[in-house]
N, C-alpha and C. Protein backbone atom coordinates (compact mmCIF):
# COMPACT_ATOMS: atom_id res chain seq x y z
N UNK A 1 -20.46 28.43 35.66
CA UNK A 1 -19.55 27.30 35.77
C UNK A 1 -20.34 26.02 35.49
N UNK A 2 -19.83 25.20 34.60
CA UNK A 2 -20.55 23.97 34.25
C UNK A 2 -20.16 22.86 35.20
N UNK A 3 -21.11 21.98 35.49
CA UNK A 3 -20.81 20.87 36.40
C UNK A 3 -19.86 19.89 35.74
N UNK A 4 -18.96 19.34 36.55
CA UNK A 4 -18.01 18.35 36.01
C UNK A 4 -18.59 16.96 36.20
N UNK A 5 -18.21 16.01 35.31
CA UNK A 5 -18.73 14.66 35.47
C UNK A 5 -18.18 14.02 36.73
N UNK A 6 -18.95 13.11 37.31
CA UNK A 6 -18.51 12.45 38.54
C UNK A 6 -17.33 11.55 38.24
N UNK A 7 -16.62 11.16 39.30
CA UNK A 7 -15.39 10.39 39.14
C UNK A 7 -15.65 8.99 38.61
N UNK A 8 -16.83 8.41 38.92
CA UNK A 8 -17.08 7.04 38.48
C UNK A 8 -17.78 6.96 37.13
N UNK A 9 -18.09 8.08 36.51
CA UNK A 9 -18.72 8.06 35.19
C UNK A 9 -17.81 8.74 34.18
N UNK A 10 -17.61 8.11 33.00
CA UNK A 10 -16.82 8.79 31.98
C UNK A 10 -17.59 9.98 31.43
N UNK A 11 -16.87 10.98 30.92
CA UNK A 11 -17.58 12.12 30.35
C UNK A 11 -18.43 11.69 29.16
N UNK A 12 -19.62 12.26 29.06
CA UNK A 12 -20.55 11.90 28.00
C UNK A 12 -20.26 12.79 26.79
N UNK A 13 -20.00 12.17 25.65
CA UNK A 13 -19.76 12.91 24.42
C UNK A 13 -21.10 13.10 23.73
N UNK A 14 -21.46 14.35 23.44
CA UNK A 14 -22.76 14.65 22.86
C UNK A 14 -22.86 14.18 21.41
N UNK A 15 -21.75 14.19 20.69
CA UNK A 15 -21.82 13.79 19.29
C UNK A 15 -21.09 12.45 19.10
N UNK A 16 -21.60 11.62 18.22
CA UNK A 16 -20.96 10.33 18.01
C UNK A 16 -19.62 10.49 17.29
N UNK A 17 -18.67 9.61 17.63
CA UNK A 17 -17.37 9.61 16.97
C UNK A 17 -17.49 8.97 15.59
N UNK A 18 -18.49 8.12 15.41
CA UNK A 18 -18.72 7.47 14.12
C UNK A 18 -20.20 7.13 14.05
N UNK A 19 -20.79 7.32 12.88
CA UNK A 19 -22.20 6.97 12.68
C UNK A 19 -22.39 6.56 11.23
N UNK A 20 -23.15 5.49 11.04
CA UNK A 20 -23.41 4.97 9.70
C UNK A 20 -24.74 4.22 9.73
N UNK A 21 -25.42 4.25 8.61
CA UNK A 21 -26.64 3.46 8.43
C UNK A 21 -26.40 2.49 7.29
N UNK A 22 -26.73 1.23 7.50
CA UNK A 22 -26.50 0.18 6.51
C UNK A 22 -27.68 0.07 5.56
N UNK A 23 -27.99 1.17 4.88
CA UNK A 23 -29.13 1.17 3.98
C UNK A 23 -28.81 0.45 2.67
N UNK A 24 -29.87 0.12 1.94
CA UNK A 24 -29.72 -0.62 0.69
C UNK A 24 -29.28 0.31 -0.43
N UNK A 25 -28.52 -0.22 -1.38
CA UNK A 25 -28.17 0.59 -2.55
C UNK A 25 -29.39 0.74 -3.45
N UNK A 26 -29.32 1.73 -4.33
CA UNK A 26 -30.46 2.05 -5.19
C UNK A 26 -30.87 0.87 -6.05
N UNK A 27 -29.93 0.05 -6.51
CA UNK A 27 -30.26 -1.04 -7.42
C UNK A 27 -31.06 -2.14 -6.72
N UNK A 28 -30.89 -2.32 -5.41
CA UNK A 28 -31.73 -3.28 -4.69
C UNK A 28 -33.15 -2.74 -4.52
N UNK A 29 -33.28 -1.44 -4.29
CA UNK A 29 -34.61 -0.84 -4.24
C UNK A 29 -35.31 -1.02 -5.59
N UNK A 30 -34.60 -0.72 -6.66
CA UNK A 30 -35.19 -0.84 -7.99
C UNK A 30 -35.59 -2.29 -8.28
N UNK A 31 -34.70 -3.22 -8.01
CA UNK A 31 -35.00 -4.63 -8.26
C UNK A 31 -36.17 -5.14 -7.44
N UNK A 32 -36.23 -4.76 -6.16
CA UNK A 32 -37.33 -5.20 -5.30
C UNK A 32 -38.67 -4.64 -5.74
N UNK A 33 -38.69 -3.37 -6.08
CA UNK A 33 -39.96 -2.76 -6.51
C UNK A 33 -40.41 -3.27 -7.87
N UNK A 34 -39.46 -3.53 -8.78
CA UNK A 34 -39.82 -4.11 -10.08
C UNK A 34 -40.37 -5.52 -9.90
N UNK A 35 -39.75 -6.31 -9.03
CA UNK A 35 -40.26 -7.66 -8.77
C UNK A 35 -41.66 -7.61 -8.17
N UNK A 36 -41.91 -6.67 -7.25
CA UNK A 36 -43.25 -6.54 -6.67
C UNK A 36 -44.26 -6.11 -7.72
N UNK A 37 -43.87 -5.19 -8.60
CA UNK A 37 -44.78 -4.74 -9.66
C UNK A 37 -45.09 -5.89 -10.62
N UNK A 38 -44.09 -6.71 -10.97
CA UNK A 38 -44.34 -7.86 -11.84
C UNK A 38 -45.28 -8.87 -11.19
N UNK A 39 -45.10 -9.10 -9.90
CA UNK A 39 -46.01 -10.01 -9.20
C UNK A 39 -47.42 -9.43 -9.17
N UNK A 40 -47.55 -8.13 -8.96
CA UNK A 40 -48.88 -7.50 -8.97
C UNK A 40 -49.53 -7.61 -10.34
N UNK A 41 -48.74 -7.45 -11.40
CA UNK A 41 -49.28 -7.61 -12.76
C UNK A 41 -49.73 -9.05 -12.99
N UNK A 42 -48.96 -10.01 -12.48
CA UNK A 42 -49.35 -11.43 -12.61
C UNK A 42 -50.67 -11.71 -11.90
N UNK A 43 -50.86 -11.12 -10.75
CA UNK A 43 -52.11 -11.33 -10.02
C UNK A 43 -53.27 -10.63 -10.74
N UNK A 44 -53.02 -9.45 -11.28
CA UNK A 44 -54.05 -8.69 -11.98
C UNK A 44 -54.49 -9.40 -13.24
N UNK A 45 -53.58 -9.69 -14.15
CA UNK A 45 -53.82 -10.40 -15.41
C UNK A 45 -55.05 -9.89 -16.17
N UNK A 46 -55.28 -8.58 -16.14
CA UNK A 46 -56.35 -7.99 -16.94
C UNK A 46 -57.73 -8.09 -16.34
N UNK A 47 -57.83 -8.56 -15.11
CA UNK A 47 -59.15 -8.70 -14.48
C UNK A 47 -59.69 -7.34 -14.08
N UNK A 48 -60.99 -7.28 -13.98
CA UNK A 48 -61.64 -6.03 -13.56
C UNK A 48 -61.94 -6.08 -12.07
N UNK A 49 -62.37 -4.96 -11.54
CA UNK A 49 -62.79 -4.91 -10.15
C UNK A 49 -61.61 -4.79 -9.20
N UNK A 50 -61.75 -5.42 -8.06
CA UNK A 50 -60.75 -5.32 -6.99
C UNK A 50 -59.40 -5.89 -7.44
N UNK A 51 -59.43 -6.95 -8.25
CA UNK A 51 -58.16 -7.54 -8.71
C UNK A 51 -57.36 -6.62 -9.61
N UNK A 52 -57.95 -5.55 -10.09
CA UNK A 52 -57.24 -4.61 -10.96
C UNK A 52 -56.34 -3.67 -10.15
N UNK A 53 -56.69 -3.34 -8.93
CA UNK A 53 -55.91 -2.37 -8.18
C UNK A 53 -55.35 -2.89 -6.86
N UNK A 54 -55.99 -3.89 -6.26
CA UNK A 54 -55.57 -4.37 -4.93
C UNK A 54 -54.13 -4.93 -4.92
N UNK A 55 -53.69 -5.70 -5.90
CA UNK A 55 -52.30 -6.19 -5.84
C UNK A 55 -51.27 -5.07 -5.81
N UNK A 56 -51.52 -4.00 -6.53
CA UNK A 56 -50.58 -2.88 -6.57
C UNK A 56 -50.60 -2.11 -5.24
N UNK A 57 -51.80 -1.93 -4.68
CA UNK A 57 -51.94 -1.18 -3.43
C UNK A 57 -51.33 -1.94 -2.26
N UNK A 58 -51.35 -3.26 -2.32
CA UNK A 58 -50.82 -4.06 -1.21
C UNK A 58 -49.33 -4.37 -1.41
N UNK A 59 -48.96 -4.90 -2.58
CA UNK A 59 -47.60 -5.39 -2.77
C UNK A 59 -46.53 -4.30 -2.84
N UNK A 60 -46.80 -3.21 -3.51
CA UNK A 60 -45.77 -2.17 -3.63
C UNK A 60 -45.44 -1.52 -2.27
N UNK A 61 -46.42 -1.11 -1.46
CA UNK A 61 -46.05 -0.56 -0.14
C UNK A 61 -45.42 -1.59 0.78
N UNK A 62 -45.91 -2.84 0.73
CA UNK A 62 -45.29 -3.87 1.57
C UNK A 62 -43.83 -4.12 1.17
N UNK A 63 -43.56 -4.12 -0.11
CA UNK A 63 -42.19 -4.30 -0.57
C UNK A 63 -41.32 -3.12 -0.15
N UNK A 64 -41.83 -1.91 -0.30
CA UNK A 64 -41.07 -0.72 0.12
C UNK A 64 -40.79 -0.77 1.63
N UNK A 65 -41.77 -1.17 2.42
CA UNK A 65 -41.56 -1.28 3.87
C UNK A 65 -40.53 -2.35 4.20
N UNK A 66 -40.58 -3.47 3.50
CA UNK A 66 -39.60 -4.53 3.72
C UNK A 66 -38.19 -4.10 3.34
N UNK A 67 -38.06 -3.39 2.24
CA UNK A 67 -36.73 -2.90 1.83
C UNK A 67 -36.21 -1.86 2.82
N UNK A 68 -37.08 -0.99 3.30
CA UNK A 68 -36.67 -0.03 4.31
C UNK A 68 -36.21 -0.75 5.57
N UNK A 69 -36.96 -1.79 5.99
CA UNK A 69 -36.62 -2.55 7.19
C UNK A 69 -35.25 -3.20 7.06
N UNK A 70 -34.91 -3.72 5.88
CA UNK A 70 -33.60 -4.33 5.67
C UNK A 70 -32.47 -3.32 5.82
N UNK A 71 -32.72 -2.07 5.53
CA UNK A 71 -31.69 -1.05 5.62
C UNK A 71 -31.76 -0.18 6.85
N UNK A 72 -32.39 -0.65 7.91
CA UNK A 72 -32.62 0.17 9.09
C UNK A 72 -31.45 0.17 10.07
N UNK A 73 -30.52 -0.78 9.95
CA UNK A 73 -29.45 -0.96 10.93
C UNK A 73 -28.54 0.27 10.98
N UNK A 74 -28.32 0.76 12.18
CA UNK A 74 -27.41 1.89 12.39
C UNK A 74 -26.22 1.41 13.22
N UNK A 75 -25.05 1.93 12.86
CA UNK A 75 -23.82 1.62 13.58
C UNK A 75 -23.25 2.93 14.08
N UNK A 76 -22.76 2.94 15.29
CA UNK A 76 -22.17 4.16 15.82
C UNK A 76 -21.22 3.89 16.96
N UNK A 77 -20.34 4.85 17.18
CA UNK A 77 -19.44 4.83 18.33
C UNK A 77 -19.70 6.14 19.06
N UNK A 78 -20.24 6.03 20.27
CA UNK A 78 -20.53 7.21 21.08
C UNK A 78 -20.66 6.79 22.54
N UNK A 79 -20.39 7.71 23.43
CA UNK A 79 -20.54 7.47 24.87
C UNK A 79 -19.81 6.21 25.31
N UNK A 80 -18.61 5.99 24.78
CA UNK A 80 -17.77 4.84 25.14
C UNK A 80 -18.43 3.51 24.83
N UNK A 81 -19.23 3.47 23.76
CA UNK A 81 -19.90 2.24 23.34
C UNK A 81 -19.85 2.11 21.82
N UNK A 82 -19.76 0.86 21.37
CA UNK A 82 -20.01 0.53 19.97
C UNK A 82 -21.47 0.11 19.92
N UNK A 83 -22.24 0.81 19.09
CA UNK A 83 -23.67 0.54 18.99
C UNK A 83 -23.97 -0.02 17.61
N UNK A 84 -24.57 -1.20 17.61
CA UNK A 84 -24.99 -1.86 16.38
C UNK A 84 -26.46 -2.19 16.55
N UNK A 85 -27.31 -1.41 15.89
CA UNK A 85 -28.75 -1.50 16.05
C UNK A 85 -29.07 -1.31 17.54
N UNK A 86 -29.66 -2.30 18.20
CA UNK A 86 -29.96 -2.14 19.62
C UNK A 86 -28.93 -2.82 20.52
N UNK A 87 -27.87 -3.40 19.95
CA UNK A 87 -26.80 -4.02 20.73
C UNK A 87 -25.79 -2.96 21.14
N UNK A 88 -25.29 -3.07 22.36
CA UNK A 88 -24.32 -2.12 22.89
C UNK A 88 -23.10 -2.89 23.39
N UNK A 89 -21.92 -2.42 23.00
CA UNK A 89 -20.67 -3.02 23.47
C UNK A 89 -19.82 -1.93 24.09
N UNK A 90 -19.64 -1.95 25.42
CA UNK A 90 -18.74 -0.97 26.03
C UNK A 90 -17.31 -1.17 25.49
N UNK A 91 -16.67 -0.09 25.11
CA UNK A 91 -15.35 -0.21 24.48
C UNK A 91 -14.28 -0.69 25.45
N UNK A 92 -14.56 -0.70 26.75
CA UNK A 92 -13.56 -1.21 27.69
C UNK A 92 -13.31 -2.71 27.51
N UNK A 93 -14.25 -3.42 26.84
CA UNK A 93 -14.08 -4.84 26.59
C UNK A 93 -13.45 -5.15 25.25
N UNK A 94 -13.06 -4.14 24.49
CA UNK A 94 -12.48 -4.33 23.17
C UNK A 94 -10.98 -4.57 23.30
N UNK A 95 -10.52 -5.71 22.81
CA UNK A 95 -9.08 -6.01 22.80
C UNK A 95 -8.44 -5.47 21.53
N UNK A 96 -9.11 -5.66 20.39
CA UNK A 96 -8.57 -5.19 19.11
C UNK A 96 -9.72 -5.09 18.10
N UNK A 97 -9.48 -4.30 17.07
CA UNK A 97 -10.45 -4.16 15.98
C UNK A 97 -9.70 -4.34 14.68
N UNK A 98 -10.19 -5.27 13.83
CA UNK A 98 -9.53 -5.59 12.57
C UNK A 98 -10.46 -5.20 11.42
N UNK A 99 -10.05 -4.23 10.57
CA UNK A 99 -10.85 -3.94 9.37
C UNK A 99 -10.75 -5.10 8.39
N UNK A 100 -11.87 -5.46 7.78
CA UNK A 100 -11.92 -6.60 6.86
C UNK A 100 -12.42 -6.14 5.49
N UNK A 101 -11.79 -6.65 4.45
CA UNK A 101 -12.32 -6.46 3.10
C UNK A 101 -13.24 -7.64 2.80
N UNK A 102 -13.66 -7.78 1.55
CA UNK A 102 -14.61 -8.85 1.19
C UNK A 102 -14.01 -10.22 1.47
N UNK A 103 -12.76 -10.42 1.09
CA UNK A 103 -12.11 -11.73 1.30
C UNK A 103 -11.92 -12.01 2.79
N UNK A 104 -11.54 -11.00 3.56
CA UNK A 104 -11.36 -11.18 5.00
C UNK A 104 -12.67 -11.50 5.69
N UNK A 105 -13.74 -10.83 5.29
CA UNK A 105 -15.05 -11.12 5.87
C UNK A 105 -15.48 -12.54 5.54
N UNK A 106 -15.25 -12.96 4.30
CA UNK A 106 -15.60 -14.32 3.89
C UNK A 106 -14.83 -15.35 4.72
N UNK A 107 -13.56 -15.07 5.00
CA UNK A 107 -12.76 -16.00 5.79
C UNK A 107 -13.25 -16.08 7.24
N UNK A 108 -13.55 -14.92 7.83
CA UNK A 108 -14.00 -14.89 9.22
C UNK A 108 -15.38 -15.55 9.38
N UNK A 109 -16.25 -15.39 8.37
CA UNK A 109 -17.60 -15.93 8.45
C UNK A 109 -17.76 -17.25 7.71
N UNK A 110 -16.66 -17.81 7.23
CA UNK A 110 -16.71 -19.02 6.41
C UNK A 110 -16.91 -20.29 7.22
N UNK A 111 -16.39 -21.37 6.68
CA UNK A 111 -16.61 -22.70 7.23
C UNK A 111 -16.13 -22.82 8.68
N UNK A 112 -15.00 -22.22 8.99
CA UNK A 112 -14.45 -22.34 10.33
C UNK A 112 -14.91 -21.25 11.29
N UNK A 113 -16.01 -20.59 11.00
CA UNK A 113 -16.49 -19.47 11.83
C UNK A 113 -16.88 -19.96 13.22
N UNK A 114 -16.66 -19.10 14.18
CA UNK A 114 -17.03 -19.41 15.56
C UNK A 114 -18.54 -19.21 15.73
N UNK A 115 -19.27 -20.24 16.17
CA UNK A 115 -20.73 -20.09 16.30
C UNK A 115 -21.16 -19.16 17.43
N UNK A 116 -20.25 -18.80 18.32
CA UNK A 116 -20.60 -17.90 19.42
C UNK A 116 -20.39 -16.42 19.07
N UNK A 117 -19.87 -16.15 17.88
CA UNK A 117 -19.61 -14.77 17.48
C UNK A 117 -20.92 -14.02 17.26
N UNK A 118 -20.90 -12.73 17.55
CA UNK A 118 -22.04 -11.86 17.28
C UNK A 118 -21.83 -11.28 15.89
N UNK A 119 -22.78 -11.52 14.98
CA UNK A 119 -22.61 -11.12 13.58
C UNK A 119 -23.80 -10.28 13.12
N UNK A 120 -23.49 -9.11 12.57
CA UNK A 120 -24.48 -8.29 11.86
C UNK A 120 -23.88 -8.08 10.48
N UNK A 121 -24.34 -8.87 9.53
CA UNK A 121 -23.73 -8.90 8.20
C UNK A 121 -24.77 -8.56 7.16
N UNK A 122 -24.42 -7.67 6.27
CA UNK A 122 -25.27 -7.32 5.15
C UNK A 122 -24.53 -7.67 3.87
N UNK A 123 -25.07 -8.58 3.05
CA UNK A 123 -24.33 -9.06 1.87
C UNK A 123 -24.07 -8.00 0.83
N UNK A 124 -24.84 -6.92 0.80
CA UNK A 124 -24.62 -5.87 -0.19
C UNK A 124 -23.53 -4.89 0.23
N UNK A 125 -22.95 -5.09 1.41
CA UNK A 125 -21.86 -4.24 1.89
C UNK A 125 -20.59 -5.08 1.94
N UNK A 126 -19.56 -4.62 1.24
CA UNK A 126 -18.34 -5.42 1.10
C UNK A 126 -17.48 -5.48 2.34
N UNK A 127 -17.31 -4.36 3.04
CA UNK A 127 -16.40 -4.31 4.17
C UNK A 127 -17.05 -4.71 5.47
N UNK A 128 -16.19 -4.92 6.46
CA UNK A 128 -16.66 -5.27 7.81
C UNK A 128 -15.52 -5.01 8.78
N UNK A 129 -15.82 -5.08 10.05
CA UNK A 129 -14.80 -5.07 11.09
C UNK A 129 -15.00 -6.27 11.98
N UNK A 130 -13.90 -6.79 12.48
CA UNK A 130 -13.94 -7.84 13.49
C UNK A 130 -13.47 -7.21 14.79
N UNK A 131 -14.35 -7.17 15.78
CA UNK A 131 -14.05 -6.58 17.08
C UNK A 131 -13.76 -7.73 18.03
N UNK A 132 -12.49 -7.88 18.39
CA UNK A 132 -12.07 -8.96 19.28
C UNK A 132 -12.31 -8.51 20.71
N UNK A 133 -12.97 -9.36 21.50
CA UNK A 133 -13.37 -9.00 22.86
C UNK A 133 -12.42 -9.56 23.91
N UNK A 134 -12.36 -8.85 25.02
CA UNK A 134 -11.58 -9.28 26.18
C UNK A 134 -12.47 -9.15 27.41
N UNK A 135 -13.44 -10.05 27.51
CA UNK A 135 -14.38 -10.06 28.63
C UNK A 135 -14.53 -11.49 29.12
N UNK A 136 -13.89 -11.83 30.23
CA UNK A 136 -13.97 -13.22 30.71
C UNK A 136 -15.38 -13.68 31.06
N UNK A 137 -16.28 -12.75 31.34
CA UNK A 137 -17.65 -13.13 31.71
C UNK A 137 -18.54 -13.36 30.51
N UNK A 138 -18.05 -13.06 29.30
CA UNK A 138 -18.87 -13.19 28.08
C UNK A 138 -18.27 -14.27 27.19
N UNK A 139 -19.07 -15.27 26.78
CA UNK A 139 -18.54 -16.33 25.91
C UNK A 139 -18.36 -15.88 24.45
N UNK A 140 -18.84 -14.69 24.11
CA UNK A 140 -18.72 -14.20 22.73
C UNK A 140 -17.26 -13.81 22.47
N UNK A 141 -16.60 -14.47 21.51
CA UNK A 141 -15.18 -14.16 21.27
C UNK A 141 -14.97 -12.87 20.49
N UNK A 142 -15.89 -12.56 19.59
CA UNK A 142 -15.74 -11.35 18.78
C UNK A 142 -17.05 -10.98 18.13
N UNK A 143 -17.10 -9.74 17.64
CA UNK A 143 -18.21 -9.26 16.84
C UNK A 143 -17.72 -9.08 15.42
N UNK A 144 -18.58 -9.38 14.44
CA UNK A 144 -18.31 -9.06 13.04
C UNK A 144 -19.47 -8.19 12.58
N UNK A 145 -19.13 -6.96 12.13
CA UNK A 145 -20.15 -5.98 11.78
C UNK A 145 -19.84 -5.44 10.38
N UNK A 146 -20.81 -5.51 9.49
CA UNK A 146 -20.66 -4.93 8.15
C UNK A 146 -20.57 -3.42 8.26
N UNK A 147 -19.73 -2.83 7.41
CA UNK A 147 -19.60 -1.38 7.34
C UNK A 147 -19.02 -1.00 6.00
N UNK A 148 -19.42 0.15 5.51
CA UNK A 148 -18.86 0.65 4.25
C UNK A 148 -17.48 1.27 4.46
N UNK A 149 -17.15 1.60 5.70
CA UNK A 149 -15.89 2.26 6.02
C UNK A 149 -15.20 1.52 7.17
N UNK A 150 -14.62 0.33 6.89
CA UNK A 150 -14.06 -0.47 7.98
C UNK A 150 -12.88 0.19 8.71
N UNK A 151 -12.03 0.89 8.00
CA UNK A 151 -10.87 1.50 8.65
C UNK A 151 -11.33 2.62 9.59
N UNK A 152 -12.27 3.45 9.13
CA UNK A 152 -12.76 4.55 9.96
C UNK A 152 -13.47 4.04 11.21
N UNK A 153 -14.28 2.98 11.06
CA UNK A 153 -14.97 2.42 12.22
C UNK A 153 -13.97 1.82 13.20
N UNK A 154 -12.98 1.10 12.69
CA UNK A 154 -11.95 0.52 13.56
C UNK A 154 -11.21 1.61 14.32
N UNK A 155 -10.84 2.67 13.63
CA UNK A 155 -10.14 3.78 14.28
C UNK A 155 -11.01 4.45 15.34
N UNK A 156 -12.29 4.60 15.08
CA UNK A 156 -13.19 5.24 16.04
C UNK A 156 -13.34 4.39 17.30
N UNK A 157 -13.48 3.07 17.14
CA UNK A 157 -13.62 2.18 18.30
C UNK A 157 -12.34 2.19 19.12
N UNK A 158 -11.19 2.09 18.45
CA UNK A 158 -9.92 2.08 19.18
C UNK A 158 -9.66 3.43 19.85
N UNK A 159 -10.02 4.52 19.19
CA UNK A 159 -9.84 5.84 19.80
C UNK A 159 -10.73 6.00 21.03
N UNK A 160 -11.97 5.51 20.96
CA UNK A 160 -12.87 5.57 22.12
C UNK A 160 -12.33 4.72 23.26
N UNK A 161 -11.81 3.54 22.93
CA UNK A 161 -11.23 2.67 23.97
C UNK A 161 -10.03 3.33 24.62
N UNK A 162 -9.14 3.90 23.81
CA UNK A 162 -7.94 4.54 24.35
C UNK A 162 -8.29 5.78 25.16
N UNK A 163 -9.27 6.55 24.72
CA UNK A 163 -9.70 7.73 25.48
C UNK A 163 -10.30 7.33 26.82
N UNK A 164 -11.05 6.24 26.85
CA UNK A 164 -11.61 5.76 28.09
C UNK A 164 -10.51 5.28 29.03
N UNK A 165 -9.51 4.60 28.48
CA UNK A 165 -8.40 4.11 29.31
C UNK A 165 -7.61 5.27 29.89
N UNK A 166 -7.45 6.35 29.15
CA UNK A 166 -6.72 7.52 29.66
C UNK A 166 -7.51 8.28 30.72
N UNK A 167 -8.86 8.24 30.60
CA UNK A 167 -9.69 8.99 31.55
C UNK A 167 -9.86 8.25 32.87
N UNK A 168 -9.61 6.95 32.90
CA UNK A 168 -9.75 6.17 34.13
C UNK A 168 -8.40 6.09 34.83
N UNK A 169 -8.36 6.39 36.11
CA UNK A 169 -7.09 6.26 36.82
C UNK A 169 -6.73 4.80 37.05
N UNK A 170 -5.46 4.50 37.02
CA UNK A 170 -5.01 3.13 37.32
C UNK A 170 -5.05 2.95 38.82
N UNK A 171 -4.93 1.71 39.30
CA UNK A 171 -5.04 1.42 40.74
C UNK A 171 -3.92 2.06 41.53
N UNK A 172 -2.76 2.24 40.96
CA UNK A 172 -1.65 2.89 41.64
C UNK A 172 -1.86 4.37 41.82
N UNK A 173 -2.65 5.02 40.99
CA UNK A 173 -2.85 6.47 41.04
C UNK A 173 -3.99 6.86 41.97
N UNK A 174 -4.81 5.91 42.39
CA UNK A 174 -5.98 6.25 43.19
C UNK A 174 -5.63 6.59 44.61
N UNK A 175 -4.65 5.97 45.21
CA UNK A 175 -4.36 6.13 46.63
C UNK A 175 -3.36 7.14 46.84
């Protein structure tokens, strides 16, 4: 017989309801590495000795590491949380989730953007979601998170929120 979760803790889901990594497209990798190679050639300029190999040994791995770092952000919905890199948002504070296309993201992040919003935006990714918050203790009005699949992420967050609401008894049912 397996142990049941305690009454004050929601059941832990072993697998994420949604998972994505905001990695760079191949053309940004190609462009970055070509630019690093051109800079290394400029530094080399036909010289002998250390200047012949050091720019390539230093610049190409540093560029690759920098490009990898830009694409390290992971997004997921698991254990009743929206996870964006190391930020965690319990889904009980989610009022609504709006999938955004390129134009919608531009409008939300444009001139009239709220400076208190939490934003994880990657310009090479067209879609995003706006997660509207309902937490009186938090001044953050919403999160804007880039994603390649805005509808799927929005559905996963809302499904996690609704599942959490169904698993928690209301105040009238407790007594």
